[in-house]
Protein backbone atom coordinates (compact mmCIF):
# COMPACT_ATOMS: atom_id res chain seq x y z
CA MET A 1 88.85 82.20 85.26
CA LEU A 2 92.70 82.83 84.48
CA ASP A 3 95.32 79.89 84.55
CA ARG A 4 99.13 79.53 84.09
CA SER A 5 98.46 80.17 80.10
CA ASP A 6 97.11 83.14 80.09
CA ILE A 7 99.95 84.24 82.58
CA LEU A 8 102.36 82.58 80.33
CA GLU A 9 100.81 84.66 76.93
CA ALA A 10 101.00 87.82 79.05
CA ARG A 11 104.43 87.57 79.77
CA ASP A 12 105.36 87.32 76.03
CA ARG A 13 103.30 90.51 75.59
CA VAL A 14 105.02 92.48 78.40
CA ARG A 15 108.23 91.27 78.24
CA GLU A 16 110.13 94.30 76.03
CA THR A 17 108.34 96.89 78.32
CA SER A 18 108.13 95.45 82.14
CA ARG A 19 111.11 94.41 83.76
CA HIS A 20 111.80 91.37 85.80
CA THR A 21 112.24 92.72 89.19
CA PRO A 22 114.72 91.79 92.32
CA LEU A 23 113.87 89.45 94.52
CA GLU A 24 116.38 89.85 97.43
CA TYR A 25 116.84 88.15 101.04
CA SER A 26 116.35 90.76 103.86
CA HIS A 27 118.60 89.34 106.91
CA THR A 28 116.60 92.75 109.05
CA TYR A 29 113.26 91.21 108.84
CA SER A 30 113.79 87.66 109.07
CA SER A 31 115.45 88.27 112.01
CA MET A 32 112.72 90.46 113.63
CA THR A 33 110.15 87.70 112.65
CA GLY A 34 111.99 84.42 112.63
CA ALA A 35 110.86 83.45 108.85
CA ASP A 36 113.16 83.56 105.76
CA VAL A 37 111.95 86.79 104.23
CA HIS A 38 112.53 87.50 100.49
CA LEU A 39 110.96 91.13 99.16
CA LYS A 40 109.64 91.03 95.93
CA LEU A 41 110.55 94.78 94.59
CA GLU A 42 108.24 96.24 92.53
CA THR A 43 109.38 99.90 93.46
CA PHE A 44 112.03 98.72 91.00
CA GLN A 45 109.51 98.73 87.97
CA ARG A 46 109.11 100.93 85.28
CA THR A 47 106.81 103.87 86.73
CA GLY A 48 107.76 102.71 90.09
CA ALA A 49 104.85 100.32 90.07
CA PHE A 50 103.50 96.72 89.23
CA LYS A 51 100.79 98.40 86.99
CA ILE A 52 103.01 98.76 84.12
CA ARG A 53 102.60 94.66 83.32
CA GLY A 54 98.53 94.89 83.19
CA ALA A 55 98.56 97.83 81.00
CA THR A 56 101.04 96.80 78.46
CA ASN A 57 99.32 93.39 78.20
CA ARG A 58 95.43 94.71 77.83
CA ILE A 59 96.64 97.26 74.95
CA ALA A 60 98.78 94.92 73.34
CA THR A 61 95.81 93.30 72.32
CA LEU A 62 94.02 95.83 71.03
CA SER A 63 92.97 96.21 66.96
CA GLU A 64 94.03 98.71 65.13
CA GLU A 65 91.00 100.31 64.89
CA GLN A 66 90.76 100.58 68.92
CA LYS A 67 94.05 101.74 68.93
CA ASP A 68 93.09 104.72 66.92
CA ALA A 69 89.99 105.41 68.95
CA GLY A 70 92.21 106.00 72.10
CA VAL A 71 92.16 104.63 75.86
CA VAL A 72 90.73 106.16 78.45
CA THR A 73 90.70 104.78 82.26
CA ALA A 74 90.73 105.94 86.16
CA SER A 75 93.12 105.39 88.58
CA ALA A 76 94.93 107.00 91.95
CA GLY A 77 98.05 107.06 89.98
CA ASN A 78 100.14 103.94 89.24
CA HIS A 79 97.80 102.88 86.65
CA ALA A 80 97.45 105.90 85.32
CA GLN A 81 101.36 106.08 84.66
CA GLY A 82 101.33 102.30 83.47
CA VAL A 83 98.90 103.19 81.02
CA ALA A 84 99.72 106.43 80.06
CA LEU A 85 103.66 104.80 78.93
CA ALA A 86 102.06 101.59 77.45
CA ALA A 87 100.09 103.96 75.51
CA THR A 88 102.65 106.25 74.51
CA ARG A 89 105.27 103.15 73.52
CA VAL A 90 102.48 102.44 70.69
CA GLY A 91 101.15 105.87 69.54
CA VAL A 92 97.67 105.52 70.96
CA ASP A 93 96.32 108.44 72.47
CA SER A 94 95.35 108.15 76.12
CA LYS A 95 93.08 110.20 79.04
CA ILE A 96 93.65 109.57 82.35
CA VAL A 97 91.37 110.88 84.99
CA MET A 98 92.47 110.75 88.58
CA PRO A 99 90.72 112.07 91.94
CA GLU A 100 90.94 115.61 92.28
CA HIS A 101 93.33 114.98 95.23
CA ALA A 102 95.52 112.37 93.88
CA PRO A 103 99.46 113.17 94.41
CA ILE A 104 100.86 115.83 92.66
CA SER A 105 103.68 113.40 91.93
CA LYS A 106 102.08 110.97 90.43
CA VAL A 107 99.62 113.30 88.30
CA LYS A 108 102.96 115.06 87.03
CA ALA A 109 104.51 111.73 86.17
CA THR A 110 101.06 110.49 84.24
CA GLU A 111 101.38 113.57 82.25
CA SER A 112 104.92 112.73 81.19
CA TYR A 113 104.72 109.82 80.10
CA GLY A 114 102.41 111.41 77.81
CA ALA A 115 98.83 111.31 78.71
CA GLU A 116 96.46 114.00 79.06
CA VAL A 117 94.87 114.41 82.62
CA VAL A 118 91.52 114.67 84.29
CA LEU A 119 90.96 115.74 87.34
CA HIS A 120 87.64 114.68 89.20
CA GLY A 121 85.99 113.27 91.86
CA ALA A 122 86.96 113.00 95.66
CA ASP A 123 88.12 109.06 95.18
CA TYR A 124 88.38 106.03 92.63
CA ALA A 125 84.69 105.37 92.43
CA GLU A 126 84.26 109.02 91.09
CA ALA A 127 86.98 109.45 88.76
CA ALA A 128 85.97 105.84 87.10
CA GLU A 129 81.96 107.22 86.94
CA HIS A 130 83.77 110.08 84.77
CA ALA A 131 86.01 108.01 82.67
CA HIS A 132 82.94 106.08 81.68
CA GLU A 133 81.42 109.12 80.61
CA LEU A 134 84.43 110.11 78.72
CA GLU A 135 84.53 106.84 77.24
CA ARG A 136 80.77 106.76 75.74
CA GLU A 137 81.13 110.61 74.63
CA GLU A 138 84.30 110.10 72.65
CA GLY A 139 84.65 106.16 71.88
CA ARG A 140 87.46 105.60 73.64
CA ILE A 141 88.55 102.01 75.26
CA TYR A 142 88.32 101.77 78.65
CA VAL A 143 91.32 100.34 79.95
CA HIS A 144 90.05 98.74 83.37
CA ALA A 145 92.41 99.10 86.68
CA PHE A 146 92.00 95.95 87.98
CA ASP A 147 88.07 94.06 86.55
CA ASP A 148 89.80 92.90 83.10
CA GLU A 149 91.23 89.37 82.95
CA LEU A 150 94.19 90.67 80.31
CA VAL A 151 94.96 93.03 82.94
CA MET A 152 95.21 90.34 85.76
CA ALA A 153 97.09 88.54 83.71
CA GLY A 154 99.70 90.93 83.18
CA GLN A 155 100.04 91.14 86.80
CA GLY A 156 100.26 87.87 87.31
CA THR A 157 103.96 87.69 85.28
CA ILE A 158 105.09 88.93 88.97
CA GLY A 159 103.96 85.47 90.47
CA LEU A 160 105.86 83.50 87.77
CA GLU A 161 108.85 85.56 88.70
CA ILE A 162 108.24 84.44 92.22
CA VAL A 163 108.31 81.42 91.83
CA GLU A 164 110.76 81.13 88.88
CA ASP A 165 113.61 82.94 91.55
CA ARG A 166 112.63 81.41 94.83
CA PRO A 167 111.31 78.12 93.74
CA GLU A 168 110.68 76.89 97.91
CA VAL A 169 108.51 80.04 98.00
CA GLU A 170 105.62 78.82 100.64
CA THR A 171 103.51 82.07 101.25
CA VAL A 172 103.72 85.13 99.06
CA VAL A 173 101.76 88.39 100.33
CA VAL A 174 100.22 90.83 98.27
CA PRO A 175 98.23 94.07 98.92
CA ILE A 176 94.47 94.05 97.62
CA GLY A 177 92.67 97.32 96.18
CA GLY A 178 90.44 96.39 93.36
CA GLY A 179 91.96 92.70 93.66
CA GLY A 180 93.63 92.55 89.92
CA LEU A 181 97.13 92.53 91.39
CA ILE A 182 96.59 89.60 93.85
CA SER A 183 94.07 87.70 91.24
CA GLY A 184 97.01 87.28 88.74
CA ILE A 185 99.61 86.45 91.22
CA ALA A 186 97.54 83.98 93.31
CA ALA A 187 96.68 82.47 89.57
CA ALA A 188 100.42 82.12 88.73
CA VAL A 189 101.74 81.00 92.03
CA LYS A 190 98.77 78.73 92.31
CA GLY A 191 99.77 77.01 89.07
CA GLU A 192 103.39 76.52 89.69
CA LYS A 193 102.63 75.59 93.44
CA PRO A 194 99.32 74.55 94.18
CA ASP A 195 100.64 73.98 98.02
CA ALA A 196 101.89 77.54 98.37
CA ARG A 197 99.85 80.07 100.08
CA VAL A 198 98.60 83.26 98.63
CA ILE A 199 98.08 86.20 102.01
CA GLY A 200 96.03 89.21 100.67
CA VAL A 201 96.46 92.61 102.84
CA GLN A 202 94.35 95.52 102.95
CA ALA A 203 94.16 98.91 104.85
CA GLU A 204 91.69 98.74 107.78
CA GLY A 205 90.18 102.06 106.30
CA ALA A 206 89.69 100.10 102.67
CA SER A 207 88.73 96.64 103.63
CA SER A 208 86.15 95.75 100.87
CA ALA A 209 87.82 92.65 99.88
CA ALA A 210 87.97 91.28 103.65
CA THR A 211 84.31 92.89 104.29
CA SER A 212 82.87 91.00 101.19
CA LEU A 213 84.83 87.68 101.82
CA ARG A 214 83.37 88.08 105.44
CA LYS A 215 79.45 88.02 104.08
CA GLY A 216 80.32 86.09 101.46
CA GLU A 217 79.22 88.59 98.49
CA ARG A 218 80.55 91.04 97.05
CA VAL A 219 79.96 94.45 98.72
CA SER A 220 81.12 98.15 98.34
CA ILE A 221 82.07 99.87 101.72
CA GLU A 222 80.73 103.36 101.52
CA GLY A 223 84.05 105.28 102.18
CA VAL A 224 87.98 104.75 102.35
CA ASP A 225 90.21 106.42 104.77
CA THR A 226 93.93 105.44 104.36
CA ILE A 227 97.25 106.63 103.89
CA ALA A 228 97.28 103.77 101.24
CA ASP A 229 95.99 105.80 98.51
CA GLY A 230 97.16 103.15 95.58
CA ILE A 231 94.43 100.23 97.77
CA ALA A 232 91.92 102.95 98.66
CA THR A 233 89.04 101.16 96.54
CA ARG A 234 85.37 100.97 97.80
CA SER A 235 84.77 97.75 96.06
CA VAL A 236 87.28 94.67 94.90
CA GLY A 237 86.41 94.21 91.35
CA GLU A 238 83.74 91.24 90.20
CA ARG A 239 86.35 89.34 88.27
CA PRO A 240 89.16 89.59 91.09
CA PHE A 241 86.39 88.62 93.70
CA GLU A 242 85.86 85.16 92.06
CA HIS A 243 89.90 84.83 91.67
CA ILE A 244 90.26 85.41 95.37
CA ARG A 245 87.68 83.10 96.67
CA GLU A 246 89.19 80.87 94.33
CA TYR A 247 92.79 81.36 95.04
CA VAL A 248 93.57 83.36 97.83
CA ASP A 249 94.02 81.37 101.46
CA GLU A 250 93.24 84.55 103.47
CA VAL A 251 92.89 88.35 103.32
CA VAL A 252 93.79 90.20 106.41
CA THR A 253 93.40 93.89 107.51
CA VAL A 254 96.58 96.37 108.82
CA SER A 255 96.11 99.94 110.46
CA ASP A 256 97.72 103.08 108.83
CA PRO A 257 100.20 103.60 111.78
CA GLU A 258 101.16 99.81 111.06
CA ILE A 259 101.73 100.92 107.53
CA ALA A 260 103.64 104.14 108.71
CA VAL A 261 106.04 102.24 110.94
CA THR A 262 107.12 99.96 108.24
CA ILE A 263 107.41 102.59 105.74
CA THR A 264 109.71 103.75 108.25
CA TYR A 265 111.72 100.68 108.77
CA LEU A 266 111.98 100.36 104.74
CA LEU A 267 113.60 103.47 104.70
CA GLU A 268 115.75 103.14 107.30
CA ARG A 269 116.76 99.62 107.38
CA SER A 270 116.43 98.29 103.74
CA LYS A 271 116.91 102.13 102.01
CA THR A 272 114.30 101.40 100.46
CA LEU A 273 110.95 103.93 99.13
CA VAL A 274 107.65 102.31 99.20
CA GLU A 275 104.30 104.07 99.11
CA GLY A 276 101.31 102.51 101.53
CA ALA A 277 100.12 100.46 99.33
CA GLY A 278 103.44 98.81 98.56
CA ALA A 279 104.15 98.65 102.55
CA VAL A 280 100.86 96.65 103.68
CA PRO A 281 102.41 93.06 102.82
CA LEU A 282 105.37 93.38 104.81
CA ALA A 283 103.48 95.31 107.39
CA ALA A 284 101.46 92.07 107.73
CA VAL A 285 104.21 90.16 107.78
CA LEU A 286 106.07 92.04 111.15
CA PHE A 287 102.80 92.60 113.07
CA GLU A 288 101.85 88.96 112.37
CA LYS A 289 98.27 89.26 111.04
CA PHE A 290 98.61 86.12 109.69
CA ASP A 291 99.87 83.00 111.24
CA TYR A 292 103.57 81.61 109.99
CA ALA A 293 106.27 79.17 110.64
CA ASP A 294 109.85 79.55 112.18
CA ASP A 295 111.92 79.59 109.07
CA GLU A 296 109.04 79.48 106.48
CA THR A 297 109.67 81.39 103.36
CA ILE A 298 107.87 83.98 102.60
CA VAL A 299 107.86 86.89 99.71
CA PRO A 300 105.73 90.38 100.57
CA VAL A 301 105.05 92.29 97.20
CA LEU A 302 106.25 95.81 97.66
CA SER A 303 104.14 96.64 95.06
CA GLY A 304 105.09 100.39 94.26
CA GLY A 305 107.54 103.18 95.69
CA ASN A 306 105.43 106.50 94.16
CA ILE A 307 104.62 108.26 97.61
CA ASP A 308 104.35 112.22 97.58
CA LEU A 309 106.71 113.39 99.15
CA ASN A 310 104.11 115.71 101.46
CA THR A 311 102.22 112.78 102.47
CA LEU A 312 105.90 111.00 103.13
CA THR A 313 106.78 113.71 105.31
CA ASN A 314 103.79 112.76 107.50
CA VAL A 315 103.93 109.17 106.95
CA ILE A 316 107.91 109.58 108.41
CA VAL A 317 106.75 111.43 111.86
CA ARG A 318 103.91 109.25 112.52
CA GLY A 319 106.36 105.94 112.02
CA LEU A 320 108.80 108.16 114.47
CA VAL A 321 105.95 108.62 116.92
CA GLU A 322 104.59 104.92 117.10
CA THR A 323 108.11 103.75 117.29
CA GLY A 324 109.08 106.10 120.03
CA ARG A 325 111.58 108.32 118.39
CA TYR A 326 110.01 111.39 118.38
CA LEU A 327 108.05 113.04 121.49
CA LYS A 328 106.05 116.04 121.55
CA ILE A 329 104.48 117.36 124.64
CA ARG A 330 102.80 120.35 126.32
CA THR A 331 103.00 121.12 129.87
CA VAL A 332 102.56 124.26 132.26
CA LEU A 333 105.48 126.51 134.17
CA THR A 334 105.23 129.32 136.71
CA ASP A 335 105.95 132.17 134.61
CA GLN A 336 109.33 133.14 136.48
CA PRO A 337 113.60 132.84 135.95
CA GLY A 338 114.73 129.66 136.36
CA ALA A 339 111.44 127.55 135.82
CA LEU A 340 112.49 126.49 132.55
CA GLU A 341 115.97 125.34 133.99
CA GLU A 342 114.25 123.06 136.29
CA LEU A 343 112.17 121.02 133.53
CA LEU A 344 115.12 120.99 131.07
CA ASP A 345 117.19 119.43 133.92
CA ILE A 346 115.44 115.82 133.83
CA PHE A 347 115.48 116.65 129.55
CA THR A 348 119.40 116.37 130.38
CA ALA A 349 119.26 113.32 132.98
CA HIS A 350 117.72 111.34 130.41
CA ARG A 351 119.28 112.87 127.30
CA ALA A 352 116.33 113.65 125.50
CA ASN A 353 117.36 115.62 122.62
CA ILE A 354 115.21 118.81 122.02
CA TYR A 355 114.07 119.78 118.41
CA ALA A 356 111.72 123.13 119.52
CA ILE A 357 110.48 124.80 122.44
CA HIS A 358 107.02 127.31 122.13
CA HIS A 359 106.44 129.32 124.86
CA ASP A 360 102.12 130.37 124.91
CA ARG A 361 101.60 133.39 127.86
CA THR A 362 98.39 134.33 126.13
CA SER A 363 96.58 130.54 126.28
CA ARG A 364 93.44 131.14 127.80
CA GLU A 365 93.88 127.35 129.52
CA VAL A 366 96.49 128.36 131.85
CA GLU A 367 96.56 131.00 134.93
CA MET A 368 98.11 134.38 134.10
CA SER A 369 100.92 133.78 136.33
CA ASP A 370 101.84 130.14 134.59
CA THR A 371 103.09 129.99 130.49
CA GLU A 372 102.37 126.88 128.64
CA VAL A 373 105.13 125.24 126.78
CA GLU A 374 105.24 122.84 123.91
CA ILE A 375 108.18 120.57 123.26
CA GLU A 376 109.57 118.70 120.39
CA LEU A 377 111.99 115.97 121.30
CA GLU A 378 114.03 113.23 119.77
CA MET A 379 113.48 109.59 121.76
CA ARG A 380 115.26 106.60 121.79
CA GLY A 381 112.02 104.21 121.57
CA PRO A 382 109.04 103.24 123.71
CA ASP A 383 111.05 102.34 127.30
CA HIS A 384 112.83 105.72 126.79
CA VAL A 385 109.67 107.63 126.23
CA ASP A 386 107.96 106.12 129.17
CA ALA A 387 110.72 106.54 131.76
CA PHE A 388 111.38 110.02 130.82
CA LEU A 389 107.08 110.65 130.75
CA SER A 390 107.20 109.16 134.56
CA ASP A 391 109.88 111.12 135.82
CA LEU A 392 108.13 114.28 134.67
CA ARG A 393 105.39 113.04 136.34
CA GLU A 394 106.82 112.23 139.58
CA ALA A 395 108.45 115.67 139.59
CA GLY A 396 104.85 117.23 139.67
CA TYR A 397 104.53 117.94 136.04
CA GLU A 398 101.41 117.71 134.53
CA VAL A 399 102.03 116.09 130.94
CA ASP A 400 99.86 115.77 127.82
CA VAL A 401 101.61 113.78 125.11
CA LEU A 402 100.70 115.69 121.64
CA ALA A 403 102.18 113.14 119.49
């Protein structure tokens, strides 16, 4: 098991490569929750995520013979960039296997740090299997994304920084994928402040740690389905699972809509870009997935900001839908002059701003004398949406909400 001394040694190794990232008080989220919320912004870390810490610590311990052999790993993106940069800095050749559908931004970033990228498999598990094949075939050293105590110790340097910057911290909230991040942070925090809580958070569609804890043994789930690709793993690591059982107080889950809302809040309120995995700790606080007291000092670890722009576009729209800021509806009008004007009178009364209107006279779902209309609208919140839809239906319109 990791202890404080392992993480202190790791800090000495990673000091020149990784940054001591900011820990900032958030008036917005403190007001929303009643807690004393401080954001640990690993989004400002080199490579845009925490993974550079663990990768640097692992590669720094390689022998000269191992460095000459080169390294290989599998990653959904952030560990890939961390290994690529850490290896390149010390002249080690690196090969990274990423899932075939890895965000293009993470693929290009990994290549820019000097690694050779191989796209293989539908998810992390299949990518890792191929990476181990390359390990055997080419004699490379495998740098595991999470199931490695040196990697875990490197990630644990975040915990040291949290306690140093906010000694009164009471609860640290950390995302869980394979479990390396929370293992290191929990060991560091408990080593410095045994009474502090560490809460782990997973996406509902990738809840291997939560499932394993519930069953009392490490299990692999059949598949993953979440926008938080950075924590989309089928199983928590063997070593991390033991650390989670020893050090972590509770593991909770959040839904993809909750993640999307949190990403939107962070962009709009905090001017901070995070990926799905980076949003889950704050989502757990905002949606009260665990109990906390008024004025409790809570530190959500925003672990990374490397979100693909195509994904971000979809997430923002979903976040606006969930918060009642965007509405897409379908209704049927009589296909005659003035019908649309009558409908728009209700829109005007509610000051609903129209993004787009689409008429479809060819739909087989309506009579030939009618036309189907889809309308996209900017709204001002859930109450505005409810009142608007209520008035439409009272006026006799049959309305389907599409988004």
